Amino acid sequence: MFWFLLLAMVVVVAAVTLAVVGGGKSAVLQDVAPEQLTDPLPATRPVGRADVEALRLPVAVRGYRMGEVDDALGRLGAELAERDARIAELESALAGAQATRAGGPDLLKQPQDHPPAPWEAPDPRGEDPRPGEETGR
């Protein structure tokens, strides 16, 4: 009985070995292509929130592939720096416009509060007649 079990075990091991090593015309275990980044960040337009959420980095034996992670983080860093520069530019333009408006004519003044134009005849009494008001003449 012992010899029968030993012989059966040898036959099973030999059959499995032949099947794995290459018994047949095609290989049983085919080489797998390394996992690559299938949906990279768009190169033709700015990166959006949906692009970052959809980004799935391929996994290697010891974590993520460093090159692809570095590329993705570099691209995101460049996009953020570009947006920060644009925000700073717009904020400075807004501050300049507000400073110009603050130093310019008073926006709350009514048009009749302005002095008469040089082509208008001055009032002989030195008063500025208001439209709709009686002049007292």
N, C-alpha and C. Protein backbone atom coordinates (compact mmCIF):
# COMPACT_ATOMS: atom_id res chain seq x y z
N MET A 1 0.82 -1.17 0.00
CA MET A 1 0.00 0.00 0.00
C MET A 1 0.88 1.26 0.00
N PHE A 2 1.93 1.23 0.79
CA PHE A 2 2.84 2.36 0.84
C PHE A 2 3.44 2.63 -0.54
N TRP A 3 3.84 1.58 -1.22
CA TRP A 3 4.47 1.73 -2.54
C TRP A 3 3.47 2.26 -3.57
N PHE A 4 2.24 1.84 -3.43
CA PHE A 4 1.21 2.32 -4.35
C PHE A 4 0.98 3.83 -4.19
N LEU A 5 0.89 4.31 -2.96
CA LEU A 5 0.71 5.74 -2.70
C LEU A 5 1.93 6.55 -3.17
N LEU A 6 3.10 6.01 -2.95
CA LEU A 6 4.32 6.69 -3.38
C LEU A 6 4.37 6.79 -4.90
N LEU A 7 4.03 5.71 -5.61
CA LEU A 7 4.02 5.71 -7.06
C LEU A 7 2.94 6.67 -7.60
N ALA A 8 1.77 6.73 -6.98
CA ALA A 8 0.70 7.65 -7.40
C ALA A 8 1.14 9.10 -7.22
N MET A 9 1.82 9.39 -6.13
CA MET A 9 2.29 10.74 -5.87
C MET A 9 3.34 11.15 -6.90
N VAL A 10 4.22 10.28 -7.29
CA VAL A 10 5.25 10.57 -8.29
C VAL A 10 4.59 10.84 -9.64
N VAL A 11 3.58 10.05 -10.01
CA VAL A 11 2.89 10.24 -11.29
C VAL A 11 2.17 11.59 -11.31
N VAL A 12 1.52 11.96 -10.24
CA VAL A 12 0.79 13.24 -10.17
C VAL A 12 1.78 14.40 -10.26
N VAL A 13 2.88 14.32 -9.54
CA VAL A 13 3.88 15.40 -9.56
C VAL A 13 4.47 15.53 -10.96
N ALA A 14 4.77 14.41 -11.62
CA ALA A 14 5.33 14.44 -12.97
C ALA A 14 4.33 15.04 -13.96
N ALA A 15 3.06 14.71 -13.83
CA ALA A 15 2.04 15.23 -14.75
C ALA A 15 1.88 16.74 -14.59
N VAL A 16 1.85 17.20 -13.37
CA VAL A 16 1.73 18.64 -13.12
C VAL A 16 2.96 19.37 -13.63
N THR A 17 4.13 18.81 -13.40
CA THR A 17 5.37 19.44 -13.87
C THR A 17 5.39 19.54 -15.38
N LEU A 18 5.01 18.49 -16.07
CA LEU A 18 4.98 18.52 -17.54
C LEU A 18 3.96 19.53 -18.05
N ALA A 19 2.83 19.65 -17.39
CA ALA A 19 1.79 20.58 -17.83
C ALA A 19 2.25 22.04 -17.64
N VAL A 20 2.94 22.32 -16.54
CA VAL A 20 3.38 23.69 -16.26
C VAL A 20 4.58 24.06 -17.12
N VAL A 21 5.53 23.17 -17.26
CA VAL A 21 6.77 23.47 -17.97
C VAL A 21 6.53 23.69 -19.46
N GLY A 22 5.60 23.04 -20.05
CA GLY A 22 5.39 23.30 -21.46
C GLY A 22 4.96 22.08 -22.23
N GLY A 23 4.21 21.27 -21.66
CA GLY A 23 3.69 20.13 -22.41
C GLY A 23 2.59 20.63 -23.34
N GLY A 24 2.82 20.66 -24.62
CA GLY A 24 1.83 21.12 -25.58
C GLY A 24 2.43 22.16 -26.50
N LYS A 25 1.60 22.67 -27.39
CA LYS A 25 2.09 23.62 -28.38
C LYS A 25 2.18 25.05 -27.83
N SER A 26 1.27 25.45 -26.96
CA SER A 26 1.31 26.81 -26.41
C SER A 26 1.67 26.75 -24.94
N ALA A 27 2.28 27.82 -24.48
CA ALA A 27 2.67 27.89 -23.08
C ALA A 27 1.42 28.03 -22.22
N VAL A 28 1.40 27.37 -21.11
CA VAL A 28 0.26 27.42 -20.20
C VAL A 28 0.23 28.78 -19.49
N LEU A 29 1.36 29.21 -19.00
CA LEU A 29 1.46 30.50 -18.31
C LEU A 29 2.12 31.50 -19.25
N GLN A 30 1.33 32.39 -19.80
CA GLN A 30 1.87 33.38 -20.72
C GLN A 30 2.40 34.58 -19.96
N ASP A 31 3.36 35.25 -20.58
CA ASP A 31 3.92 36.45 -19.96
C ASP A 31 2.86 37.55 -19.96
N VAL A 32 2.80 38.26 -18.85
CA VAL A 32 1.84 39.34 -18.70
C VAL A 32 2.58 40.66 -18.94
N ALA A 33 1.97 41.51 -19.73
CA ALA A 33 2.57 42.82 -19.98
C ALA A 33 2.52 43.63 -18.68
N PRO A 34 3.55 44.42 -18.42
CA PRO A 34 3.53 45.23 -17.19
C PRO A 34 2.37 46.22 -17.22
N GLU A 35 1.81 46.44 -16.07
CA GLU A 35 0.67 47.34 -15.96
C GLU A 35 1.13 48.76 -16.23
N GLN A 36 0.43 49.43 -17.12
CA GLN A 36 0.76 50.81 -17.48
C GLN A 36 -0.41 51.72 -17.11
N LEU A 37 -0.11 53.01 -17.04
CA LEU A 37 -1.14 54.00 -16.77
C LEU A 37 -2.07 54.06 -17.97
N THR A 38 -3.33 53.64 -17.79
CA THR A 38 -4.25 53.54 -18.93
C THR A 38 -4.93 54.85 -19.26
N ASP A 39 -5.17 55.70 -18.28
CA ASP A 39 -5.87 56.96 -18.52
C ASP A 39 -5.04 58.09 -17.92
N PRO A 40 -4.02 58.57 -18.65
CA PRO A 40 -3.17 59.62 -18.08
C PRO A 40 -3.90 60.95 -18.01
N LEU A 41 -3.28 61.92 -17.37
CA LEU A 41 -3.86 63.25 -17.28
C LEU A 41 -3.87 63.88 -18.67
N PRO A 42 -4.91 64.65 -19.00
CA PRO A 42 -5.01 65.21 -20.35
C PRO A 42 -3.90 66.22 -20.63
N ALA A 43 -3.33 66.13 -21.82
CA ALA A 43 -2.25 67.03 -22.20
C ALA A 43 -2.76 68.24 -22.97
N THR A 44 -3.99 68.17 -23.47
CA THR A 44 -4.49 69.23 -24.34
C THR A 44 -5.34 70.26 -23.61
N ARG A 45 -5.64 70.05 -22.35
CA ARG A 45 -6.47 70.98 -21.60
C ARG A 45 -6.04 70.97 -20.14
N PRO A 46 -6.45 71.97 -19.36
CA PRO A 46 -6.10 71.99 -17.93
C PRO A 46 -6.72 70.80 -17.20
N VAL A 47 -6.03 70.37 -16.17
CA VAL A 47 -6.49 69.24 -15.37
C VAL A 47 -7.63 69.71 -14.47
N GLY A 48 -8.69 68.93 -14.42
CA GLY A 48 -9.83 69.26 -13.58
C GLY A 48 -9.96 68.30 -12.42
N ARG A 49 -10.92 68.57 -11.57
CA ARG A 49 -11.13 67.73 -10.39
C ARG A 49 -11.49 66.29 -10.79
N ALA A 50 -12.31 66.15 -11.82
CA ALA A 50 -12.72 64.81 -12.27
C ALA A 50 -11.52 64.02 -12.80
N ASP A 51 -10.57 64.71 -13.43
CA ASP A 51 -9.37 64.03 -13.93
C ASP A 51 -8.55 63.46 -12.78
N VAL A 52 -8.41 64.23 -11.71
CA VAL A 52 -7.63 63.76 -10.57
C VAL A 52 -8.34 62.62 -9.86
N GLU A 53 -9.67 62.73 -9.75
CA GLU A 53 -10.42 61.66 -9.09
C GLU A 53 -10.40 60.37 -9.90
N ALA A 54 -10.34 60.47 -11.22
CA ALA A 54 -10.34 59.28 -12.08
C ALA A 54 -8.94 58.67 -12.24
N LEU A 55 -7.91 59.37 -11.81
CA LEU A 55 -6.54 58.89 -11.98
C LEU A 55 -6.29 57.67 -11.09
N ARG A 56 -5.91 56.58 -11.70
CA ARG A 56 -5.56 55.35 -10.98
C ARG A 56 -4.17 54.94 -11.40
N LEU A 57 -3.25 55.00 -10.47
CA LEU A 57 -1.86 54.69 -10.78
C LEU A 57 -1.64 53.19 -10.71
N PRO A 58 -0.84 52.64 -11.64
CA PRO A 58 -0.60 51.19 -11.64
C PRO A 58 0.28 50.78 -10.46
N VAL A 59 0.03 49.58 -9.98
CA VAL A 59 0.75 49.05 -8.82
C VAL A 59 1.89 48.16 -9.31
N ALA A 60 3.04 48.29 -8.68
CA ALA A 60 4.20 47.45 -8.98
C ALA A 60 4.38 46.47 -7.82
N VAL A 61 5.48 45.74 -7.86
CA VAL A 61 5.73 44.74 -6.83
C VAL A 61 5.83 45.37 -5.45
N ARG A 62 6.51 46.50 -5.35
CA ARG A 62 6.70 47.14 -4.04
C ARG A 62 5.96 48.47 -3.96
N GLY A 63 4.75 48.53 -4.41
CA GLY A 63 3.97 49.77 -4.33
C GLY A 63 3.66 50.30 -5.71
N TYR A 64 3.67 51.61 -5.86
CA TYR A 64 3.35 52.25 -7.14
C TYR A 64 4.61 52.44 -7.96
N ARG A 65 4.43 52.56 -9.27
CA ARG A 65 5.56 52.81 -10.16
C ARG A 65 6.00 54.26 -9.97
N MET A 66 7.24 54.41 -9.54
CA MET A 66 7.74 55.74 -9.17
C MET A 66 7.73 56.71 -10.34
N GLY A 67 8.09 56.28 -11.51
CA GLY A 67 8.14 57.17 -12.66
C GLY A 67 6.79 57.75 -13.01
N GLU A 68 5.78 56.92 -13.00
CA GLU A 68 4.44 57.40 -13.35
C GLU A 68 3.85 58.28 -12.25
N VAL A 69 4.15 57.96 -11.00
CA VAL A 69 3.70 58.81 -9.89
C VAL A 69 4.39 60.16 -9.97
N ASP A 70 5.70 60.16 -10.25
CA ASP A 70 6.43 61.42 -10.37
C ASP A 70 5.89 62.27 -11.51
N ASP A 71 5.57 61.63 -12.64
CA ASP A 71 5.01 62.37 -13.78
C ASP A 71 3.67 63.00 -13.42
N ALA A 72 2.80 62.22 -12.78
CA ALA A 72 1.47 62.74 -12.41
C ALA A 72 1.59 63.87 -11.40
N LEU A 73 2.44 63.71 -10.39
CA LEU A 73 2.59 64.76 -9.38
C LEU A 73 3.26 66.00 -9.98
N GLY A 74 4.19 65.81 -10.89
CA GLY A 74 4.82 66.95 -11.56
C GLY A 74 3.81 67.74 -12.37
N ARG A 75 2.96 67.03 -13.09
CA ARG A 75 1.93 67.71 -13.89
C ARG A 75 0.95 68.46 -13.00
N LEU A 76 0.51 67.83 -11.91
CA LEU A 76 -0.41 68.50 -10.99
C LEU A 76 0.25 69.72 -10.34
N GLY A 77 1.53 69.60 -9.98
CA GLY A 77 2.24 70.73 -9.40
C GLY A 77 2.35 71.89 -10.37
N ALA A 78 2.63 71.60 -11.64
CA ALA A 78 2.72 72.65 -12.65
C ALA A 78 1.37 73.34 -12.85
N GLU A 79 0.30 72.55 -12.88
CA GLU A 79 -1.05 73.13 -13.05
C GLU A 79 -1.39 74.03 -11.86
N LEU A 80 -1.07 73.59 -10.64
CA LEU A 80 -1.38 74.41 -9.46
C LEU A 80 -0.55 75.69 -9.45
N ALA A 81 0.72 75.61 -9.85
CA ALA A 81 1.56 76.82 -9.90
C ALA A 81 1.03 77.80 -10.93
N GLU A 82 0.58 77.31 -12.07
CA GLU A 82 0.02 78.17 -13.11
C GLU A 82 -1.26 78.84 -12.62
N ARG A 83 -2.10 78.09 -11.93
CA ARG A 83 -3.35 78.67 -11.42
C ARG A 83 -3.07 79.68 -10.31
N ASP A 84 -2.09 79.39 -9.44
CA ASP A 84 -1.74 80.35 -8.39
C ASP A 84 -1.22 81.66 -8.99
N ALA A 85 -0.41 81.55 -10.04
CA ALA A 85 0.10 82.76 -10.69
C ALA A 85 -1.05 83.56 -11.32
N ARG A 86 -1.99 82.88 -11.93
CA ARG A 86 -3.13 83.56 -12.55
C ARG A 86 -4.01 84.22 -11.49
N ILE A 87 -4.22 83.55 -10.36
CA ILE A 87 -5.01 84.14 -9.26
C ILE A 87 -4.31 85.38 -8.72
N ALA A 88 -2.98 85.31 -8.52
CA ALA A 88 -2.24 86.47 -8.02
C ALA A 88 -2.32 87.63 -9.01
N GLU A 89 -2.23 87.34 -10.31
CA GLU A 89 -2.34 88.38 -11.34
C GLU A 89 -3.71 89.05 -11.30
N LEU A 90 -4.76 88.25 -11.19
CA LEU A 90 -6.11 88.81 -11.15
C LEU A 90 -6.36 89.60 -9.87
N GLU A 91 -5.82 89.13 -8.74
CA GLU A 91 -5.99 89.87 -7.48
C GLU A 91 -5.26 91.21 -7.54
N SER A 92 -4.07 91.26 -8.12
CA SER A 92 -3.35 92.53 -8.22
C SER A 92 -4.07 93.48 -9.17
N ALA A 93 -4.63 92.95 -10.26
CA ALA A 93 -5.39 93.80 -11.17
C ALA A 93 -6.64 94.36 -10.48
N LEU A 94 -7.29 93.54 -9.68
CA LEU A 94 -8.47 93.99 -8.95
C LEU A 94 -8.09 95.05 -7.93
N ALA A 95 -6.98 94.84 -7.22
CA ALA A 95 -6.55 95.83 -6.23
C ALA A 95 -6.20 97.15 -6.92
N GLY A 96 -5.56 97.09 -8.08
CA GLY A 96 -5.24 98.31 -8.82
C GLY A 96 -6.49 99.03 -9.28
N ALA A 97 -7.47 98.29 -9.75
CA ALA A 97 -8.73 98.90 -10.19
C ALA A 97 -9.46 99.54 -9.02
N GLN A 98 -9.44 98.89 -7.87
CA GLN A 98 -10.10 99.46 -6.70
C GLN A 98 -9.38 100.71 -6.21
N ALA A 99 -8.05 100.72 -6.28
CA ALA A 99 -7.29 101.90 -5.86
C ALA A 99 -7.54 103.06 -6.81
N THR A 100 -7.64 102.80 -8.09
CA THR A 100 -7.92 103.84 -9.07
C THR A 100 -9.30 104.41 -8.85
N ARG A 101 -10.25 103.56 -8.60
CA ARG A 101 -11.62 104.01 -8.37
C ARG A 101 -11.71 104.82 -7.08
N ALA A 102 -10.98 104.45 -6.05
CA ALA A 102 -11.04 105.16 -4.77
C ALA A 102 -10.42 106.55 -4.90
N GLY A 103 -9.41 106.73 -5.73
CA GLY A 103 -8.77 108.03 -5.90
C GLY A 103 -9.44 108.88 -6.95
N GLY A 104 -10.34 108.32 -7.72
CA GLY A 104 -10.99 109.05 -8.81
C GLY A 104 -12.19 109.84 -8.33
N PRO A 105 -13.06 110.22 -9.26
CA PRO A 105 -14.25 111.01 -8.88
C PRO A 105 -15.15 110.21 -7.96
N ASP A 106 -15.88 110.94 -7.12
CA ASP A 106 -16.78 110.30 -6.16
C ASP A 106 -17.97 109.72 -6.92
N LEU A 107 -18.17 108.44 -6.78
CA LEU A 107 -19.25 107.79 -7.50
C LEU A 107 -20.61 108.08 -6.90
N LEU A 108 -20.64 108.56 -5.66
CA LEU A 108 -21.91 108.85 -5.00
C LEU A 108 -22.41 110.25 -5.29
N LYS A 109 -21.59 111.08 -5.91
CA LYS A 109 -21.99 112.45 -6.24
C LYS A 109 -23.04 112.42 -7.32
N GLN A 110 -24.01 113.29 -7.20
CA GLN A 110 -25.04 113.42 -8.21
C GLN A 110 -24.49 114.27 -9.35
N PRO A 111 -24.98 114.08 -10.54
CA PRO A 111 -24.46 114.85 -11.67
C PRO A 111 -24.66 116.36 -11.50
N GLN A 112 -25.71 116.82 -10.81
CA GLN A 112 -25.94 118.26 -10.64
C GLN A 112 -24.97 118.87 -9.64
N ASP A 113 -24.23 118.07 -8.87
CA ASP A 113 -23.27 118.59 -7.91
C ASP A 113 -21.97 119.01 -8.58
N HIS A 114 -21.79 118.66 -9.84
CA HIS A 114 -20.56 119.02 -10.54
C HIS A 114 -20.59 120.49 -10.91
N PRO A 115 -19.47 121.16 -10.98
CA PRO A 115 -19.46 122.57 -11.39
C PRO A 115 -19.90 122.69 -12.84
N PRO A 116 -20.40 123.84 -13.23
CA PRO A 116 -20.87 123.99 -14.61
C PRO A 116 -19.70 123.86 -15.58
N ALA A 117 -20.04 123.37 -16.73
CA ALA A 117 -19.02 123.22 -17.78
C ALA A 117 -18.61 124.59 -18.27
N PRO A 118 -17.41 124.73 -18.84
CA PRO A 118 -16.93 126.06 -19.27
C PRO A 118 -17.81 126.67 -20.35
N TRP A 119 -18.50 125.94 -21.13
CA TRP A 119 -19.34 126.50 -22.19
C TRP A 119 -20.69 126.95 -21.68
N GLU A 120 -21.04 126.60 -20.43
CA GLU A 120 -22.30 127.05 -19.86
C GLU A 120 -22.11 128.44 -19.26
N ALA A 121 -23.14 129.26 -19.38
CA ALA A 121 -23.07 130.62 -18.83
C ALA A 121 -23.21 130.55 -17.32
N PRO A 122 -22.35 131.22 -16.58
CA PRO A 122 -22.47 131.20 -15.12
C PRO A 122 -23.68 132.02 -14.67
N ASP A 123 -24.21 131.64 -13.51
CA ASP A 123 -25.34 132.34 -12.94
C ASP A 123 -24.84 133.69 -12.43
N PRO A 124 -25.51 134.82 -12.75
CA PRO A 124 -25.01 136.13 -12.33
C PRO A 124 -24.99 136.28 -10.81
N ARG A 125 -25.80 135.58 -10.10
CA ARG A 125 -25.80 135.69 -8.63
C ARG A 125 -24.78 134.76 -8.01
N GLY A 126 -24.10 133.91 -8.81
CA GLY A 126 -23.10 133.00 -8.27
C GLY A 126 -23.70 131.70 -7.78
N GLU A 127 -25.00 131.52 -8.02
CA GLU A 127 -25.64 130.29 -7.59
C GLU A 127 -25.69 129.32 -8.76
N ASP A 128 -25.73 128.08 -8.44
CA ASP A 128 -25.82 127.04 -9.46
C ASP A 128 -27.26 126.57 -9.49
N PRO A 129 -28.03 126.96 -10.53
CA PRO A 129 -29.42 126.53 -10.55
C PRO A 129 -29.53 125.03 -10.75
N ARG A 130 -30.37 124.42 -10.00
CA ARG A 130 -30.58 122.98 -10.08
C ARG A 130 -31.77 122.71 -11.00
N PRO A 131 -31.72 121.68 -11.79
CA PRO A 131 -32.87 121.37 -12.63
C PRO A 131 -34.08 121.03 -11.77
N GLY A 132 -35.19 121.60 -12.13
CA GLY A 132 -36.40 121.31 -11.39
C GLY A 132 -36.62 122.23 -10.20
N GLU A 133 -35.62 123.07 -9.85
CA GLU A 133 -35.77 123.99 -8.73
C GLU A 133 -36.05 125.39 -9.29
N GLU A 134 -36.74 126.17 -8.50
CA GLU A 134 -37.00 127.54 -8.93
C GLU A 134 -35.77 128.36 -8.70
N THR A 135 -35.50 129.28 -9.62
CA THR A 135 -34.32 130.11 -9.51
C THR A 135 -34.56 131.39 -8.72
N GLY A 136 -35.77 131.68 -8.39
CA GLY A 136 -36.07 132.86 -7.60
C GLY A 136 -36.11 134.12 -8.45
N ARG A 137 -36.25 134.09 -9.71
CA ARG A 137 -36.27 135.25 -10.57
C ARG A 137 -37.65 135.74 -10.76
